[in-house]
PDB file of N, CA and C in Angstrom:
ATOM      1  N   UNK A   1     -37.096  97.600  28.903  1.00  0.00           N
ATOM      2  CA  UNK A   1     -36.254  96.976  27.792  1.00  0.00           C
ATOM      3  C   UNK A   1     -37.221  97.174  26.482  1.00  0.00           C
ATOM      4  N   UNK A   2     -36.641  97.688  25.615  1.00  0.00           N
ATOM      5  CA  UNK A   2     -37.458  97.861  24.309  1.00  0.00           C
ATOM      6  C   UNK A   2     -37.328  96.740  23.359  1.00  0.00           C
ATOM      7  N   UNK A   3     -38.601  96.219  22.906  1.00  0.00           N
ATOM      8  CA  UNK A   3     -38.509  94.926  22.007  1.00  0.00           C
ATOM      9  C   UNK A   3     -38.259  95.348  20.538  1.00  0.00           C
ATOM     10  N   UNK A   4     -37.539  94.693  19.778  1.00  0.00           N
ATOM     11  CA  UNK A   4     -37.389  94.842  18.482  1.00  0.00           C
ATOM     12  C   UNK A   4     -38.590  94.856  17.577  1.00  0.00           C
ATOM     13  N   UNK A   5     -38.780  95.818  16.552  1.00  0.00           N
ATOM     14  CA  UNK A   5     -39.753  95.624  15.768  1.00  0.00           C
ATOM     15  C   UNK A   5     -39.532  96.073  14.277  1.00  0.00           C
ATOM     16  N   UNK A   6     -40.371  95.737  13.454  1.00  0.00           N
ATOM     17  CA  UNK A   6     -40.158  96.088  12.015  1.00  0.00           C
ATOM     18  C   UNK A   6     -40.683  97.470  11.709  1.00  0.00           C
ATOM     19  N   UNK A   7     -41.375  98.155  12.446  1.00  0.00           N
ATOM     20  CA  UNK A   7     -42.014  99.377  12.301  1.00  0.00           C
ATOM     21  C   UNK A   7     -41.178 100.579  12.893  1.00  0.00           C
ATOM     22  N   UNK A   8     -40.725 101.517  12.157  1.00  0.00           N
ATOM     23  CA  UNK A   8     -40.046 102.727  12.792  1.00  0.00           C
ATOM     24  C   UNK A   8     -41.037 103.931  12.901  1.00  0.00           C
ATOM     25  N   UNK A   9     -41.060 104.248  13.999  1.00  0.00           N
ATOM     26  CA  UNK A   9     -41.790 105.442  14.380  1.00  0.00           C
ATOM     27  C   UNK A   9     -41.142 106.756  14.070  1.00  0.00           C
ATOM     28  N   UNK A  10     -41.813 107.802  13.592  1.00  0.00           N
ATOM     29  CA  UNK A  10     -40.999 109.111  13.288  1.00  0.00           C
ATOM     30  C   UNK A  10     -40.560 109.635  14.570  1.00  0.00           C
ATOM     31  N   UNK A  11     -39.392 110.298  14.606  1.00  0.00           N
ATOM     32  CA  UNK A  11     -38.942 111.095  15.872  1.00  0.00           C
ATOM     33  C   UNK A  11     -39.501 112.433  15.810  1.00  0.00           C
ATOM     34  N   UNK A  12     -39.479 113.207  17.025  1.00  0.00           N
ATOM     35  CA  UNK A  12     -39.961 114.551  16.781  1.00  0.00           C
ATOM     36  C   UNK A  12     -38.867 115.364  16.131  1.00  0.00           C
ATOM     37  N   UNK A  13     -39.391 116.378  15.338  1.00  0.00           N
ATOM     38  CA  UNK A  13     -38.422 117.224  14.648  1.00  0.00           C
ATOM     39  C   UNK A  13     -38.324 118.432  15.400  1.00  0.00           C
ATOM     40  N   UNK A  14     -37.224 118.912  15.333  1.00  0.00           N
ATOM     41  CA  UNK A  14     -36.846 120.273  16.010  1.00  0.00           C
ATOM     42  C   UNK A  14     -36.783 121.421  14.990  1.00  0.00           C
ATOM     43  N   UNK A  15     -37.098 122.508  15.514  1.00  0.00           N
ATOM     44  CA  UNK A  15     -37.097 123.642  14.592  1.00  0.00           C
ATOM     45  C   UNK A  15     -35.630 124.189  14.548  1.00  0.00           C
ATOM     46  N   UNK A  16     -35.218 124.277  13.394  1.00  0.00           N
ATOM     47  CA  UNK A  16     -33.825 124.726  13.111  1.00  0.00           C
ATOM     48  C   UNK A  16     -33.804 125.841  12.206  1.00  0.00           C
ATOM     49  N   UNK A  17     -33.426 126.928  12.616  1.00  0.00           N
ATOM     50  CA  UNK A  17     -33.416 128.104  11.658  1.00  0.00           C
ATOM     51  C   UNK A  17     -32.041 128.852  11.620  1.00  0.00           C
ATOM     52  N   UNK A  18     -31.423 128.825  10.548  1.00  0.00           N
ATOM     53  CA  UNK A  18     -30.192 129.371  10.306  1.00  0.00           C
ATOM     54  C   UNK A  18     -30.212 130.692   9.594  1.00  0.00           C
ATOM     55  N   UNK A  19     -30.042 131.910  10.272  1.00  0.00           N
ATOM     56  CA  UNK A  19     -30.166 133.160   9.542  1.00  0.00           C
ATOM     57  C   UNK A  19     -29.088 133.289   8.453  1.00  0.00           C
ATOM     58  N   UNK A  20     -29.648 133.832   7.315  1.00  0.00           N
ATOM     59  CA  UNK A  20     -28.848 134.037   6.096  1.00  0.00           C
ATOM     60  C   UNK A  20     -28.261 135.423   6.015  1.00  0.00           C
ATOM     61  N   UNK A  21     -27.068 135.517   5.480  1.00  0.00           N
ATOM     62  CA  UNK A  21     -26.570 136.882   5.241  1.00  0.00           C
ATOM     63  C   UNK A  21     -25.782 136.856   3.979  1.00  0.00           C
ATOM     64  N   UNK A  22     -25.984 137.603   2.999  1.00  0.00           N
ATOM     65  CA  UNK A  22     -25.411 137.591   1.660  1.00  0.00           C
ATOM     66  C   UNK A  22     -24.177 138.497   1.752  1.00  0.00           C
ATOM     67  N   UNK A  23     -22.882 137.710   1.439  1.00  0.00           N
ATOM     68  CA  UNK A  23     -21.751 138.420   1.410  1.00  0.00           C
ATOM     69  C   UNK A  23     -21.112 138.206  -0.064  1.00  0.00           C
ATOM     70  N   UNK A  24     -21.167 139.283  -0.875  1.00  0.00           N
ATOM     71  CA  UNK A  24     -20.777 138.955  -2.244  1.00  0.00           C
ATOM     72  C   UNK A  24     -19.268 138.597  -2.467  1.00  0.00           C
ATOM     73  N   UNK A  25     -18.391 139.188  -1.694  1.00  0.00           N
ATOM     74  CA  UNK A  25     -16.859 138.785  -1.698  1.00  0.00           C
ATOM     75  C   UNK A  25     -16.840 137.348  -1.335  1.00  0.00           C
ATOM     76  N   UNK A  26     -17.446 136.843  -0.402  1.00  0.00           N
ATOM     77  CA  UNK A  26     -17.312 135.501   0.119  1.00  0.00           C
ATOM     78  C   UNK A  26     -17.891 134.551  -0.957  1.00  0.00           C
ATOM     79  N   UNK A  27     -19.027 134.948  -1.448  1.00  0.00           N
ATOM     80  CA  UNK A  27     -19.738 134.246  -2.548  1.00  0.00           C
ATOM     81  C   UNK A  27     -18.785 134.042  -3.741  1.00  0.00           C
ATOM     82  N   UNK A  28     -18.076 135.203  -4.120  1.00  0.00           N
ATOM     83  CA  UNK A  28     -17.226 135.159  -5.249  1.00  0.00           C
ATOM     84  C   UNK A  28     -15.931 134.181  -5.117  1.00  0.00           C
ATOM     85  N   UNK A  29     -15.359 134.238  -3.823  1.00  0.00           N
ATOM     86  CA  UNK A  29     -14.335 133.362  -3.422  1.00  0.00           C
ATOM     87  C   UNK A  29     -14.726 131.779  -3.566  1.00  0.00           C
ATOM     88  N   UNK A  30     -15.851 131.619  -2.760  1.00  0.00           N
ATOM     89  CA  UNK A  30     -16.328 130.128  -2.919  1.00  0.00           C
ATOM     90  C   UNK A  30     -16.691 129.761  -4.307  1.00  0.00           C
ATOM     91  N   UNK A  31     -17.120 130.472  -5.196  1.00  0.00           N
ATOM     92  CA  UNK A  31     -17.371 130.183  -6.624  1.00  0.00           C
ATOM     93  C   UNK A  31     -16.010 129.879  -7.260  1.00  0.00           C
ATOM     94  N   UNK A  32     -15.043 130.692  -7.069  1.00  0.00           N
ATOM     95  CA  UNK A  32     -13.635 130.473  -7.791  1.00  0.00           C
ATOM     96  C   UNK A  32     -13.189 129.374  -7.206  1.00  0.00           C
ATOM     97  N   UNK A  33     -13.056 129.034  -5.937  1.00  0.00           N
ATOM     98  CA  UNK A  33     -12.631 127.850  -5.253  1.00  0.00           C
ATOM     99  C   UNK A  33     -13.320 126.580  -5.856  1.00  0.00           C
ATOM    100  N   UNK A  34     -14.482 126.575  -6.028  1.00  0.00           N
ATOM    101  CA  UNK A  34     -15.251 125.403  -6.474  1.00  0.00           C
ATOM    102  C   UNK A  34     -14.956 125.096  -7.800  1.00  0.00           C
ATOM    103  N   UNK A  35     -14.638 126.240  -8.707  1.00  0.00           N
ATOM    104  CA  UNK A  35     -14.298 126.019 -10.158  1.00  0.00           C
ATOM    105  C   UNK A  35     -12.901 125.390 -10.220  1.00  0.00           C
ATOM    106  N   UNK A  36     -11.947 125.835  -9.380  1.00  0.00           N
ATOM    107  CA  UNK A  36     -10.641 125.240  -9.302  1.00  0.00           C
ATOM    108  C   UNK A  36     -10.795 123.851  -8.938  1.00  0.00           C
ATOM    109  N   UNK A  37     -11.425 123.524  -7.943  1.00  0.00           N
ATOM    110  CA  UNK A  37     -11.510 122.134  -7.514  1.00  0.00           C
ATOM    111  C   UNK A  37     -12.008 121.232  -8.387  1.00  0.00           C
ATOM    112  N   UNK A  38     -13.219 121.743  -9.318  1.00  0.00           N
ATOM    113  CA  UNK A  38     -13.919 120.898 -10.335  1.00  0.00           C
ATOM    114  C   UNK A  38     -12.813 120.663 -11.486  1.00  0.00           C
ATOM    115  N   UNK A  39     -12.024 121.716 -11.793  1.00  0.00           N
ATOM    116  CA  UNK A  39     -10.933 121.406 -12.736  1.00  0.00           C
ATOM    117  C   UNK A  39      -9.900 120.444 -12.516  1.00  0.00           C
ATOM    118  N   UNK A  40      -9.573 120.515 -11.173  1.00  0.00           N
ATOM    119  CA  UNK A  40      -8.432 119.659 -10.674  1.00  0.00           C
ATOM    120  C   UNK A  40      -9.122 118.133 -10.663  1.00  0.00           C
ATOM    121  N   UNK A  41     -10.361 118.017 -10.316  1.00  0.00           N
ATOM    122  CA  UNK A  41     -10.947 116.633 -10.203  1.00  0.00           C
ATOM    123  C   UNK A  41     -10.970 116.101 -11.578  1.00  0.00           C
ATOM    124  N   UNK A  42     -11.349 116.966 -12.635  1.00  0.00           N
ATOM    125  CA  UNK A  42     -11.361 116.582 -14.136  1.00  0.00           C
ATOM    126  C   UNK A  42     -10.039 116.106 -14.477  1.00  0.00           C
ATOM    127  N   UNK A  43      -9.132 116.768 -14.182  1.00  0.00           N
ATOM    128  CA  UNK A  43      -7.750 116.523 -14.691  1.00  0.00           C
ATOM    129  C   UNK A  43      -7.210 115.060 -14.082  1.00  0.00           C
ATOM    130  N   UNK A  44      -7.564 114.991 -12.497  1.00  0.00           N
ATOM    131  CA  UNK A  44      -7.131 113.682 -11.904  1.00  0.00           C
ATOM    132  C   UNK A  44      -8.041 112.569 -12.396  1.00  0.00           C
ATOM    133  N   UNK A  45      -9.248 112.801 -12.867  1.00  0.00           N
ATOM    134  CA  UNK A  45     -10.023 111.794 -13.325  1.00  0.00           C
ATOM    135  C   UNK A  45      -9.503 111.024 -14.440  1.00  0.00           C
ATOM    136  N   UNK A  46      -8.712 111.871 -15.334  1.00  0.00           N
ATOM    137  CA  UNK A  46      -8.193 111.330 -16.431  1.00  0.00           C
ATOM    138  C   UNK A  46      -7.005 110.366 -16.138  1.00  0.00           C
ATOM    139  N   UNK A  47      -6.382 110.467 -15.080  1.00  0.00           N
ATOM    140  CA  UNK A  47      -5.069 109.801 -14.720  1.00  0.00           C
ATOM    141  C   UNK A  47      -5.607 108.570 -13.837  1.00  0.00           C
ATOM    142  N   UNK A  48      -6.579 108.750 -12.971  1.00  0.00           N
ATOM    143  CA  UNK A  48      -6.989 107.697 -12.077  1.00  0.00           C
ATOM    144  C   UNK A  48      -8.125 107.137 -12.325  1.00  0.00           C
ATOM    145  N   UNK A  49      -8.288 105.784 -12.212  1.00  0.00           N
ATOM    146  CA  UNK A  49      -9.705 105.189 -12.477  1.00  0.00           C
ATOM    147  C   UNK A  49     -10.199 104.991 -11.260  1.00  0.00           C
ATOM    148  N   UNK A  50     -11.511 105.532 -10.903  1.00  0.00           N
ATOM    149  CA  UNK A  50     -12.252 105.487  -9.686  1.00  0.00           C
ATOM    150  C   UNK A  50     -13.134 104.311  -9.727  1.00  0.00           C
ATOM    151  N   UNK A  51     -13.173 103.625  -8.728  1.00  0.00           N
ATOM    152  CA  UNK A  51     -14.126 102.573  -8.595  1.00  0.00           C
ATOM    153  C   UNK A  51     -15.390 102.873  -8.319  1.00  0.00           C
ATOM    154  N   UNK A  52     -16.515 102.252  -8.819  1.00  0.00           N
ATOM    155  CA  UNK A  52     -17.792 102.622  -8.581  1.00  0.00           C
ATOM    156  C   UNK A  52     -18.133 101.989  -7.108  1.00  0.00           C
ATOM    157  N   UNK A  53     -18.878 102.743  -6.353  1.00  0.00           N
ATOM    158  CA  UNK A  53     -19.397 102.288  -5.132  1.00  0.00           C
ATOM    159  C   UNK A  53     -20.372 101.267  -5.270  1.00  0.00           C
ATOM    160  N   UNK A  54     -20.361 100.245  -4.454  1.00  0.00           N
ATOM    161  CA  UNK A  54     -21.380  99.151  -4.547  1.00  0.00           C
ATOM    162  C   UNK A  54     -22.709  99.592  -3.967  1.00  0.00           C
ATOM    163  N   UNK A  55     -23.655  99.063  -4.470  1.00  0.00           N
ATOM    164  CA  UNK A  55     -25.072  99.568  -3.834  1.00  0.00           C
ATOM    165  C   UNK A  55     -25.229  98.948  -2.542  1.00  0.00           C
ATOM    166  N   UNK A  56     -25.750  99.708  -1.697  1.00  0.00           N
ATOM    167  CA  UNK A  56     -25.945  99.386  -0.272  1.00  0.00           C
ATOM    168  C   UNK A  56     -27.419  99.207  -0.124  1.00  0.00           C
ATOM    169  N   UNK A  57     -27.900  98.191   0.537  1.00  0.00           N
ATOM    170  CA  UNK A  57     -29.293  97.911   0.701  1.00  0.00           C
ATOM    171  C   UNK A  57     -29.713  98.814   2.038  1.00  0.00           C
ATOM    172  N   UNK A  58     -30.798  99.527   1.901  1.00  0.00           N
ATOM    173  CA  UNK A  58     -31.250 100.522   3.053  1.00  0.00           C
ATOM    174  C   UNK A  58     -31.764  99.349   4.056  1.00  0.00           C
ATOM    175  N   UNK A  59     -32.001 100.102   5.280  1.00  0.00           N
ATOM    176  CA  UNK A  59     -32.447  99.376   6.306  1.00  0.00           C
ATOM    177  C   UNK A  59     -33.937  98.927   6.080  1.00  0.00           C
ATOM    178  N   UNK A  60     -34.852  99.764   5.412  1.00  0.00           N
ATOM    179  CA  UNK A  60     -36.209  99.352   5.254  1.00  0.00           C
ATOM    180  C   UNK A  60     -36.245  98.208   4.213  1.00  0.00           C
ATOM    181  N   UNK A  61     -35.475  98.121   3.085  1.00  0.00           N
ATOM    182  CA  UNK A  61     -35.433  97.076   2.155  1.00  0.00           C
ATOM    183  C   UNK A  61     -34.989  95.809   2.872  1.00  0.00           C
ATOM    184  N   UNK A  62     -34.018  95.955   3.715  1.00  0.00           N
ATOM    185  CA  UNK A  62     -33.440  94.820   4.530  1.00  0.00           C
ATOM    186  C   UNK A  62     -34.540  94.176   5.402  1.00  0.00           C
ATOM    187  N   UNK A  63     -35.304  95.095   6.041  1.00  0.00           N
ATOM    188  CA  UNK A  63     -36.322  94.548   6.990  1.00  0.00           C
ATOM    189  C   UNK A  63     -37.421  93.907   6.129  1.00  0.00           C
ATOM    190  N   UNK A  64     -37.758  94.252   5.024  1.00  0.00           N
ATOM    191  CA  UNK A  64     -38.712  93.882   4.035  1.00  0.00           C
ATOM    192  C   UNK A  64     -38.334  92.388   3.643  1.00  0.00           C
ATOM    193  N   UNK A  65     -37.057  92.173   3.176  1.00  0.00           N
ATOM    194  CA  UNK A  65     -36.424  91.008   2.757  1.00  0.00           C
ATOM    195  C   UNK A  65     -36.506  90.007   3.757  1.00  0.00           C
ATOM    196  N   UNK A  66     -36.153  90.533   5.086  1.00  0.00           N
ATOM    197  CA  UNK A  66     -36.147  89.377   6.421  1.00  0.00           C
ATOM    198  C   UNK A  66     -37.485  89.034   6.568  1.00  0.00           C
ATOM    199  N   UNK A  67     -38.599  89.973   6.545  1.00  0.00           N
ATOM    200  CA  UNK A  67     -39.944  89.591   6.861  1.00  0.00           C
ATOM    201  C   UNK A  67     -40.470  88.730   5.774  1.00  0.00           C
ATOM    202  N   UNK A  68     -40.170  88.809   4.620  1.00  0.00           N
ATOM    203  CA  UNK A  68     -40.595  87.953   3.509  1.00  0.00           C
ATOM    204  C   UNK A  68     -39.953  86.563   3.721  1.00  0.00           C
ATOM    205  N   UNK A  69     -38.663  86.414   3.956  1.00  0.00           N
ATOM    206  CA  UNK A  69     -38.054  85.136   4.127  1.00  0.00           C
ATOM    207  C   UNK A  69     -38.772  84.442   5.359  1.00  0.00           C
ATOM    208  N   UNK A  70     -38.876  85.186   6.526  1.00  0.00           N
ATOM    209  CA  UNK A  70     -39.387  84.598   7.608  1.00  0.00           C
ATOM    210  C   UNK A  70     -41.016  84.145   7.405  1.00  0.00           C
ATOM    211  N   UNK A  71     -41.775  84.912   6.615  1.00  0.00           N
ATOM    212  CA  UNK A  71     -43.012  84.474   6.286  1.00  0.00           C
ATOM    213  C   UNK A  71     -43.004  83.261   5.443  1.00  0.00           C
ATOM    214  N   UNK A  72     -42.128  83.164   4.423  1.00  0.00           N
ATOM    215  CA  UNK A  72     -41.929  82.075   3.496  1.00  0.00           C
ATOM    216  C   UNK A  72     -41.821  80.830   4.339  1.00  0.00           C
ATOM    217  N   UNK A  73     -40.756  80.888   5.223  1.00  0.00           N
ATOM    218  CA  UNK A  73     -40.472  79.699   6.039  1.00  0.00           C
ATOM    219  C   UNK A  73     -41.673  79.318   7.087  1.00  0.00           C
ATOM    220  N   UNK A  74     -42.314  80.371   7.559  1.00  0.00           N
ATOM    221  CA  UNK A  74     -43.407  80.128   8.437  1.00  0.00           C
ATOM    222  C   UNK A  74     -44.460  79.274   7.449  1.00  0.00           C
ATOM    223  N   UNK A  75     -44.951  79.800   6.475  1.00  0.00           N
ATOM    224  CA  UNK A  75     -46.097  79.200   5.665  1.00  0.00           C
ATOM    225  C   UNK A  75     -45.557  77.961   5.035  1.00  0.00           C
ATOM    226  N   UNK A  76     -44.207  77.914   4.766  1.00  0.00           N
ATOM    227  CA  UNK A  76     -43.825  76.589   4.134  1.00  0.00           C
ATOM    228  C   UNK A  76     -43.795  75.446   5.231  1.00  0.00           C
ATOM    229  N   UNK A  77     -43.433  75.967   6.432  1.00  0.00           N
ATOM    230  CA  UNK A  77     -43.414  74.991   7.461  1.00  0.00           C
ATOM    231  C   UNK A  77     -44.861  74.425   7.961  1.00  0.00           C
ATOM    232  N   UNK A  78     -45.847  75.434   7.779  1.00  0.00           N
ATOM    233  CA  UNK A  78     -47.206  75.060   8.065  1.00  0.00           C
ATOM    234  C   UNK A  78     -47.773  74.045   7.113  1.00  0.00           C
ATOM    235  N   UNK A  79     -47.517  74.284   5.754  1.00  0.00           N
ATOM    236  CA  UNK A  79     -48.052  73.450   4.768  1.00  0.00           C
ATOM    237  C   UNK A  79     -47.240  72.290   4.363  1.00  0.00           C
ATOM    238  N   UNK A  80     -46.014  72.275   4.364  1.00  0.00           N
ATOM    239  CA  UNK A  80     -45.192  71.125   4.007  1.00  0.00           C
ATOM    240  C   UNK A  80     -44.546  70.513   5.275  1.00  0.00           C
ATOM    241  N   UNK A  81     -44.259  71.246   6.162  1.00  0.00           N
ATOM    242  CA  UNK A  81     -43.652  70.514   7.430  1.00  0.00           C
ATOM    243  C   UNK A  81     -42.199  70.871   7.412  1.00  0.00           C
ATOM    244  N   UNK A  82     -41.407  70.055   8.039  1.00  0.00           N
ATOM    245  CA  UNK A  82     -39.962  70.265   8.226  1.00  0.00           C
ATOM    246  C   UNK A  82     -39.255  70.013   6.845  1.00  0.00           C
ATOM    247  N   UNK A  83     -39.738  69.456   5.820  1.00  0.00           N
ATOM    248  CA  UNK A  83     -39.250  69.201   4.570  1.00  0.00           C
ATOM    249  C   UNK A  83     -38.960  70.731   3.848  1.00  0.00           C
ATOM    250  N   UNK A  84     -39.468  71.756   4.381  1.00  0.00           N
ATOM    251  CA  UNK A  84     -39.267  73.118   3.703  1.00  0.00           C
ATOM    252  C   UNK A  84     -37.797  73.504   4.196  1.00  0.00           C
ATOM    253  N   UNK A  85     -37.263  73.020   5.198  1.00  0.00           N
ATOM    254  CA  UNK A  85     -35.861  73.565   5.591  1.00  0.00           C
ATOM    255  C   UNK A  85     -34.889  72.677   4.730  1.00  0.00           C
ATOM    256  N   UNK A  86     -35.305  71.339   4.379  1.00  0.00           N
ATOM    257  CA  UNK A  86     -34.344  70.651   3.476  1.00  0.00           C
ATOM    258  C   UNK A  86     -34.323  71.197   2.078  1.00  0.00           C
ATOM    259  N   UNK A  87     -35.543  71.458   1.434  1.00  0.00           N
ATOM    260  CA  UNK A  87     -35.704  72.056   0.162  1.00  0.00           C
ATOM    261  C   UNK A  87     -34.924  73.346   0.155  1.00  0.00           C
ATOM    262  N   UNK A  88     -34.923  74.263   1.035  1.00  0.00           N
ATOM    263  CA  UNK A  88     -34.348  75.504   1.058  1.00  0.00           C
ATOM    264  C   UNK A  88     -32.799  75.370   1.182  1.00  0.00           C
ATOM    265  N   UNK A  89     -32.437  74.297   1.557  1.00  0.00           N
ATOM    266  CA  UNK A  89     -30.867  74.078   1.540  1.00  0.00           C
ATOM    267  C   UNK A  89     -30.460  73.340   0.274  1.00  0.00           C
ATOM    268  N   UNK A  90     -31.288  72.330  -0.166  1.00  0.00           N
ATOM    269  CA  UNK A  90     -30.961  71.575  -1.406  1.00  0.00           C
ATOM    270  C   UNK A  90     -31.090  72.298  -2.746  1.00  0.00           C
ATOM    271  N   UNK A  91     -32.014  73.250  -2.786  1.00  0.00           N
ATOM    272  CA  UNK A  91     -32.134  74.145  -4.129  1.00  0.00           C
ATOM    273  C   UNK A  91     -31.025  75.023  -4.290  1.00  0.00           C
ATOM    274  N   UNK A  92     -30.481  75.818  -3.409  1.00  0.00           N
ATOM    275  CA  UNK A  92     -29.348  76.669  -3.732  1.00  0.00           C
ATOM    276  C   UNK A  92     -27.950  75.705  -4.058  1.00  0.00           C
ATOM    277  N   UNK A  93     -27.900  74.581  -3.210  1.00  0.00           N
ATOM    278  CA  UNK A  93     -26.710  73.642  -3.625  1.00  0.00           C
ATOM    279  C   UNK A  93     -26.988  73.136  -4.961  1.00  0.00           C
ATOM    280  N   UNK A  94     -28.138  72.685  -5.354  1.00  0.00           N
ATOM    281  CA  UNK A  94     -28.403  72.145  -6.768  1.00  0.00           C
ATOM    282  C   UNK A  94     -28.072  73.123  -7.783  1.00  0.00           C
ATOM    283  N   UNK A  95     -28.463  74.603  -7.459  1.00  0.00           N
ATOM    284  CA  UNK A  95     -28.122  75.616  -8.401  1.00  0.00           C
ATOM    285  C   UNK A  95     -26.567  75.849  -8.540  1.00  0.00           C
ATOM    286  N   UNK A  96     -25.877  75.876  -7.537  1.00  0.00           N
ATOM    287  CA  UNK A  96     -24.435  76.000  -7.494  1.00  0.00           C
ATOM    288  C   UNK A  96     -23.797  74.882  -8.193  1.00  0.00           C
ATOM    289  N   UNK A  97     -24.251  73.629  -7.944  1.00  0.00           N
ATOM    290  CA  UNK A  97     -23.669  72.438  -8.592  1.00  0.00           C
ATOM    291  C   UNK A  97     -23.734  72.723 -10.116  1.00  0.00           C
ATOM    292  N   UNK A  98     -25.027  72.914 -10.599  1.00  0.00           N
ATOM    293  CA  UNK A  98     -25.433  73.110 -11.889  1.00  0.00           C
ATOM    294  C   UNK A  98     -24.677  74.200 -12.704  1.00  0.00           C
ATOM    295  N   UNK A  99     -24.427  75.266 -11.933  1.00  0.00           N
ATOM    296  CA  UNK A  99     -23.651  76.464 -12.370  1.00  0.00           C
ATOM    297  C   UNK A  99     -22.142  76.030 -12.538  1.00  0.00           C
ATOM    298  N   UNK A 100     -21.557  75.316 -11.578  1.00  0.00           N
ATOM    299  CA  UNK A 100     -20.170  74.962 -11.737  1.00  0.00           C
ATOM    300  C   UNK A 100     -19.949  73.865 -12.602  1.00  0.00           C
ATOM    301  N   UNK A 101     -21.015  73.072 -12.972  1.00  0.00           N
ATOM    302  CA  UNK A 101     -20.796  71.976 -14.037  1.00  0.00           C
ATOM    303  C   UNK A 101     -20.724  72.481 -15.424  1.00  0.00           C
ATOM    304  N   UNK A 102     -21.339  73.667 -15.631  1.00  0.00           N
ATOM    305  CA  UNK A 102     -21.290  74.279 -17.013  1.00  0.00           C
ATOM    306  C   UNK A 102     -19.966  74.704 -17.366  1.00  0.00           C
ATOM    307  N   UNK A 103     -19.362  75.365 -16.415  1.00  0.00           N
ATOM    308  CA  UNK A 103     -17.952  76.043 -16.482  1.00  0.00           C
ATOM    309  C   UNK A 103     -16.814  74.960 -16.368  1.00  0.00           C
TER     310      UNK A 103
END
């Protein structure tokens, strides 16, 4: 059974070679099709409002955030004791209350 860890080891890479063959007719057709698709997208963009994609946190950033939070709780528990858990729940509640009170 594999234990979870914060360190990701690199996987072995396989050699992948794709032979290339230049076909001028196919290249010309692909170029024309891409120009037509770009023109269609530009025309559609005027009529439709596209929503921006939300930023997604990558796995390594998420692991770093979790490690920092766990270390914060560990050191807070060692220095302050069980009060750290009370403080971490009261401070966000106080901030939300203060924000709602202004509006």
